[in-house]
Amino acid sequence: MDKQYQVYKDQGLQILAVNIAQSDYEVRQYAEQRNLTFPIVIDKDKSVMEAHNICPFLS
């Protein structure tokens, strides 16, 4: 996703990742390890997940 973001962001492509209930630290570490440059927001109270009836991936 980030490679495509880098290619097309100047043409208006927007990517917004939504993390469900992990800490700021965990999300920041994940993004840094993978060199992600698009924004990642954290759904701390799972309200976005519930509003859109999203079933999180199980690991």
PDB file of N, CA and C in Angstrom:
ATOM      1  N   MET A   1       0.825  -1.192   0.000  1.00  0.00           N
ATOM      2  CA  MET A   1       0.000   0.000   0.000  1.00  0.00           C
ATOM      3  C   MET A   1       0.867   1.253   0.000  1.00  0.00           C
ATOM      4  N   ASP A   2       1.934   1.212   0.779  1.00  0.00           N
ATOM      5  CA  ASP A   2       2.752   2.414   0.865  1.00  0.00           C
ATOM      6  C   ASP A   2       3.444   2.717  -0.463  1.00  0.00           C
ATOM      7  N   LYS A   3       3.848   1.677  -1.193  1.00  0.00           N
ATOM      8  CA  LYS A   3       4.480   1.915  -2.505  1.00  0.00           C
ATOM      9  C   LYS A   3       3.494   2.619  -3.433  1.00  0.00           C
ATOM     10  N   GLN A   4       2.248   2.176  -3.441  1.00  0.00           N
ATOM     11  CA  GLN A   4       1.242   2.816  -4.277  1.00  0.00           C
ATOM     12  C   GLN A   4       0.952   4.232  -3.799  1.00  0.00           C
ATOM     13  N   TYR A   5       0.945   4.420  -2.496  1.00  0.00           N
ATOM     14  CA  TYR A   5       0.744   5.758  -1.937  1.00  0.00           C
ATOM     15  C   TYR A   5       1.840   6.701  -2.426  1.00  0.00           C
ATOM     16  N   GLN A   6       3.087   6.248  -2.381  1.00  0.00           N
ATOM     17  CA  GLN A   6       4.202   7.092  -2.821  1.00  0.00           C
ATOM     18  C   GLN A   6       4.087   7.439  -4.306  1.00  0.00           C
ATOM     19  N   VAL A   7       3.634   6.497  -5.113  1.00  0.00           N
ATOM     20  CA  VAL A   7       3.512   6.728  -6.554  1.00  0.00           C
ATOM     21  C   VAL A   7       2.393   7.722  -6.869  1.00  0.00           C
ATOM     22  N   TYR A   8       1.251   7.598  -6.174  1.00  0.00           N
ATOM     23  CA  TYR A   8       0.056   8.338  -6.574  1.00  0.00           C
ATOM     24  C   TYR A   8      -0.378   9.470  -5.640  1.00  0.00           C
ATOM     25  N   LYS A   9       0.332   9.696  -4.541  1.00  0.00           N
ATOM     26  CA  LYS A   9      -0.124  10.707  -3.583  1.00  0.00           C
ATOM     27  C   LYS A   9      -0.171  12.109  -4.186  1.00  0.00           C
ATOM     28  N   ASP A  10       0.738  12.418  -5.094  1.00  0.00           N
ATOM     29  CA  ASP A  10       0.730  13.743  -5.721  1.00  0.00           C
ATOM     30  C   ASP A  10      -0.424  13.916  -6.707  1.00  0.00           C
ATOM     31  N   GLN A  11      -1.060  12.796  -7.048  1.00  0.00           N
ATOM     32  CA  GLN A  11      -2.225  12.843  -7.929  1.00  0.00           C
ATOM     33  C   GLN A  11      -3.522  12.815  -7.126  1.00  0.00           C
ATOM     34  N   GLY A  12      -3.405  12.873  -5.803  1.00  0.00           N
ATOM     35  CA  GLY A  12      -4.580  12.963  -4.950  1.00  0.00           C
ATOM     36  C   GLY A  12      -4.951  11.703  -4.196  1.00  0.00           C
ATOM     37  N   LEU A  13      -4.182  10.618  -4.358  1.00  0.00           N
ATOM     38  CA  LEU A  13      -4.493   9.389  -3.630  1.00  0.00           C
ATOM     39  C   LEU A  13      -4.363   9.630  -2.135  1.00  0.00           C
ATOM     40  N   GLN A  14      -5.346   9.190  -1.392  1.00  0.00           N
ATOM     41  CA  GLN A  14      -5.309   9.281   0.062  1.00  0.00           C
ATOM     42  C   GLN A  14      -5.471   7.874   0.640  1.00  0.00           C
ATOM     43  N   ILE A  15      -4.634   7.524   1.580  1.00  0.00           N
ATOM     44  CA  ILE A  15      -4.758   6.265   2.316  1.00  0.00           C
ATOM     45  C   ILE A  15      -4.802   6.630   3.785  1.00  0.00           C
ATOM     46  N   LEU A  16      -5.742   6.059   4.481  1.00  0.00           N
ATOM     47  CA  LEU A  16      -5.853   6.257   5.922  1.00  0.00           C
ATOM     48  C   LEU A  16      -6.072   4.887   6.548  1.00  0.00           C
ATOM     49  N   ALA A  17      -5.105   4.442   7.304  1.00  0.00           N
ATOM     50  CA  ALA A  17      -5.230   3.169   7.999  1.00  0.00           C
ATOM     51  C   ALA A  17      -5.900   3.418   9.345  1.00  0.00           C
ATOM     52  N   VAL A  18      -6.738   2.487   9.747  1.00  0.00           N
ATOM     53  CA  VAL A  18      -7.391   2.573  11.054  1.00  0.00           C
ATOM     54  C   VAL A  18      -6.992   1.340  11.853  1.00  0.00           C
ATOM     55  N   ASN A  19      -6.281   1.583  12.936  1.00  0.00           N
ATOM     56  CA  ASN A  19      -5.872   0.509  13.820  1.00  0.00           C
ATOM     57  C   ASN A  19      -6.921   0.378  14.918  1.00  0.00           C
ATOM     58  N   ILE A  20      -7.200  -0.840  15.297  1.00  0.00           N
ATOM     59  CA  ILE A  20      -8.236  -1.067  16.305  1.00  0.00           C
ATOM     60  C   ILE A  20      -7.599  -1.396  17.650  1.00  0.00           C
ATOM     61  N   ALA A  21      -7.653  -0.411  18.540  1.00  0.00           N
ATOM     62  CA  ALA A  21      -7.384  -0.574  19.969  1.00  0.00           C
ATOM     63  C   ALA A  21      -5.955  -0.926  20.380  1.00  0.00           C
ATOM     64  N   GLN A  22      -4.965  -0.717  19.530  1.00  0.00           N
ATOM     65  CA  GLN A  22      -3.592  -0.897  19.984  1.00  0.00           C
ATOM     66  C   GLN A  22      -3.064   0.440  20.489  1.00  0.00           C
ATOM     67  N   SER A  23      -1.969   0.375  21.203  1.00  0.00           N
ATOM     68  CA  SER A  23      -1.404   1.599  21.776  1.00  0.00           C
ATOM     69  C   SER A  23      -0.708   2.436  20.705  1.00  0.00           C
ATOM     70  N   ASP A  24      -0.524   3.712  21.015  1.00  0.00           N
ATOM     71  CA  ASP A  24       0.215   4.600  20.119  1.00  0.00           C
ATOM     72  C   ASP A  24       1.601   4.031  19.844  1.00  0.00           C
ATOM     73  N   TYR A  25       2.234   3.525  20.880  1.00  0.00           N
ATOM     74  CA  TYR A  25       3.582   2.968  20.752  1.00  0.00           C
ATOM     75  C   TYR A  25       3.603   1.797  19.775  1.00  0.00           C
ATOM     76  N   GLU A  26       2.670   0.858  19.933  1.00  0.00           N
ATOM     77  CA  GLU A  26       2.627  -0.314  19.052  1.00  0.00           C
ATOM     78  C   GLU A  26       2.415   0.091  17.591  1.00  0.00           C
ATOM     79  N   VAL A  27       1.513   1.026  17.377  1.00  0.00           N
ATOM     80  CA  VAL A  27       1.223   1.474  16.020  1.00  0.00           C
ATOM     81  C   VAL A  27       2.429   2.192  15.429  1.00  0.00           C
ATOM     82  N   ARG A  28       3.053   3.049  16.203  1.00  0.00           N
ATOM     83  CA  ARG A  28       4.228   3.781  15.735  1.00  0.00           C
ATOM     84  C   ARG A  28       5.362   2.813  15.393  1.00  0.00           C
ATOM     85  N   GLN A  29       5.589   1.820  16.250  1.00  0.00           N
ATOM     86  CA  GLN A  29       6.643   0.830  15.994  1.00  0.00           C
ATOM     87  C   GLN A  29       6.358   0.042  14.711  1.00  0.00           C
ATOM     88  N   TYR A  30       5.119  -0.371  14.536  1.00  0.00           N
ATOM     89  CA  TYR A  30       4.719  -1.111  13.332  1.00  0.00           C
ATOM     90  C   TYR A  30       4.976  -0.268  12.081  1.00  0.00           C
ATOM     91  N   ALA A  31       4.551   0.979  12.118  1.00  0.00           N
ATOM     92  CA  ALA A  31       4.712   1.866  10.964  1.00  0.00           C
ATOM     93  C   ALA A  31       6.190   2.133  10.677  1.00  0.00           C
ATOM     94  N   GLU A  32       6.966   2.343  11.718  1.00  0.00           N
ATOM     95  CA  GLU A  32       8.392   2.608  11.528  1.00  0.00           C
ATOM     96  C   GLU A  32       9.128   1.391  10.978  1.00  0.00           C
ATOM     97  N   GLN A  33       8.810   0.202  11.477  1.00  0.00           N
ATOM     98  CA  GLN A  33       9.456  -1.021  11.007  1.00  0.00           C
ATOM     99  C   GLN A  33       9.181  -1.278   9.531  1.00  0.00           C
ATOM    100  N   ARG A  34       8.033  -0.830   9.076  1.00  0.00           N
ATOM    101  CA  ARG A  34       7.636  -1.071   7.685  1.00  0.00           C
ATOM    102  C   ARG A  34       7.767   0.170   6.803  1.00  0.00           C
ATOM    103  N   ASN A  35       8.321   1.233   7.378  1.00  0.00           N
ATOM    104  CA  ASN A  35       8.523   2.499   6.652  1.00  0.00           C
ATOM    105  C   ASN A  35       7.226   3.021   6.033  1.00  0.00           C
ATOM    106  N   LEU A  36       6.135   2.948   6.770  1.00  0.00           N
ATOM    107  CA  LEU A  36       4.851   3.433   6.266  1.00  0.00           C
ATOM    108  C   LEU A  36       4.801   4.948   6.379  1.00  0.00           C
ATOM    109  N   THR A  37       4.314   5.593   5.345  1.00  0.00           N
ATOM    110  CA  THR A  37       4.285   7.055   5.332  1.00  0.00           C
ATOM    111  C   THR A  37       2.875   7.616   5.310  1.00  0.00           C
ATOM    112  N   PHE A  38       1.860   6.769   5.123  1.00  0.00           N
ATOM    113  CA  PHE A  38       0.488   7.263   5.149  1.00  0.00           C
ATOM    114  C   PHE A  38       0.001   7.328   6.594  1.00  0.00           C
ATOM    115  N   PRO A  39      -1.015   8.136   6.865  1.00  0.00           N
ATOM    116  CA  PRO A  39      -1.487   8.290   8.243  1.00  0.00           C
ATOM    117  C   PRO A  39      -2.169   7.030   8.783  1.00  0.00           C
ATOM    118  N   ILE A  40      -1.948   6.794  10.062  1.00  0.00           N
ATOM    119  CA  ILE A  40      -2.607   5.693  10.770  1.00  0.00           C
ATOM    120  C   ILE A  40      -3.272   6.288  12.001  1.00  0.00           C
ATOM    121  N   VAL A  41      -4.561   6.097  12.103  1.00  0.00           N
ATOM    122  CA  VAL A  41      -5.293   6.551  13.286  1.00  0.00           C
ATOM    123  C   VAL A  41      -5.653   5.339  14.126  1.00  0.00           C
ATOM    124  N   ILE A  42      -5.904   5.576  15.395  1.00  0.00           N
ATOM    125  CA  ILE A  42      -6.195   4.486  16.318  1.00  0.00           C
ATOM    126  C   ILE A  42      -7.628   4.608  16.820  1.00  0.00           C
ATOM    127  N   ASP A  43      -8.391   3.552  16.603  1.00  0.00           N
ATOM    128  CA  ASP A  43      -9.777   3.474  17.061  1.00  0.00           C
ATOM    129  C   ASP A  43      -9.761   2.862  18.464  1.00  0.00           C
ATOM    130  N   LYS A  44      -9.360   3.679  19.446  1.00  0.00           N
ATOM    131  CA  LYS A  44      -9.128   3.176  20.803  1.00  0.00           C
ATOM    132  C   LYS A  44     -10.363   2.562  21.455  1.00  0.00           C
ATOM    133  N   ASP A  45     -11.522   3.139  21.186  1.00  0.00           N
ATOM    134  CA  ASP A  45     -12.729   2.613  21.827  1.00  0.00           C
ATOM    135  C   ASP A  45     -13.560   1.739  20.883  1.00  0.00           C
ATOM    136  N   LYS A  46     -12.995   1.415  19.725  1.00  0.00           N
ATOM    137  CA  LYS A  46     -13.615   0.547  18.719  1.00  0.00           C
ATOM    138  C   LYS A  46     -14.919   1.110  18.153  1.00  0.00           C
ATOM    139  N   SER A  47     -15.124   2.416  18.256  1.00  0.00           N
ATOM    140  CA  SER A  47     -16.357   3.021  17.759  1.00  0.00           C
ATOM    141  C   SER A  47     -16.444   2.983  16.234  1.00  0.00           C
ATOM    142  N   VAL A  48     -15.315   3.154  15.547  1.00  0.00           N
ATOM    143  CA  VAL A  48     -15.318   3.077  14.078  1.00  0.00           C
ATOM    144  C   VAL A  48     -15.626   1.646  13.651  1.00  0.00           C
ATOM    145  N   MET A  49     -14.999   0.698  14.320  1.00  0.00           N
ATOM    146  CA  MET A  49     -15.228  -0.715  14.026  1.00  0.00           C
ATOM    147  C   MET A  49     -16.706  -1.064  14.182  1.00  0.00           C
ATOM    148  N   GLU A  50     -17.297  -0.623  15.263  1.00  0.00           N
ATOM    149  CA  GLU A  50     -18.705  -0.933  15.520  1.00  0.00           C
ATOM    150  C   GLU A  50     -19.631  -0.183  14.575  1.00  0.00           C
ATOM    151  N   ALA A  51     -19.335   1.066  14.265  1.00  0.00           N
ATOM    152  CA  ALA A  51     -20.182   1.862  13.389  1.00  0.00           C
ATOM    153  C   ALA A  51     -20.250   1.282  11.979  1.00  0.00           C
ATOM    154  N   HIS A  52     -19.158   0.659  11.548  1.00  0.00           N
ATOM    155  CA  HIS A  52     -19.102   0.119  10.192  1.00  0.00           C
ATOM    156  C   HIS A  52     -19.216  -1.400  10.166  1.00  0.00           C
ATOM    157  N   ASN A  53     -19.531  -2.002  11.320  1.00  0.00           N
ATOM    158  CA  ASN A  53     -19.728  -3.451  11.435  1.00  0.00           C
ATOM    159  C   ASN A  53     -18.521  -4.220  10.882  1.00  0.00           C
ATOM    160  N   ILE A  54     -17.336  -3.836  11.359  1.00  0.00           N
ATOM    161  CA  ILE A  54     -16.097  -4.448  10.898  1.00  0.00           C
ATOM    162  C   ILE A  54     -15.708  -5.551  11.863  1.00  0.00           C
ATOM    163  N   CYS A  55     -15.369  -6.698  11.321  1.00  0.00           N
ATOM    164  CA  CYS A  55     -14.874  -7.797  12.116  1.00  0.00           C
ATOM    165  C   CYS A  55     -13.353  -7.782  12.018  1.00  0.00           C
ATOM    166  N   PRO A  56     -12.655  -7.554  13.108  1.00  0.00           N
ATOM    167  CA  PRO A  56     -11.185  -7.475  13.045  1.00  0.00           C
ATOM    168  C   PRO A  56     -10.582  -8.825  12.692  1.00  0.00           C
ATOM    169  N   PHE A  57      -9.390  -8.758  12.064  1.00  0.00           N
ATOM    170  CA  PHE A  57      -8.654  -9.976  11.763  1.00  0.00           C
ATOM    171  C   PHE A  57      -8.203 -10.618  13.071  1.00  0.00           C
ATOM    172  N   LEU A  58      -8.276 -11.898  13.125  1.00  0.00           N
ATOM    173  CA  LEU A  58      -7.799 -12.616  14.306  1.00  0.00           C
ATOM    174  C   LEU A  58      -6.400 -13.102  14.025  1.00  0.00           C
ATOM    175  N   SER A  59      -5.516 -12.925  14.997  1.00  0.00           N
ATOM    176  CA  SER A  59      -4.143 -13.394  14.786  1.00  0.00           C
ATOM    177  C   SER A  59      -3.820 -14.521  15.725  1.00  0.00           C
TER     178      SER A  59
END
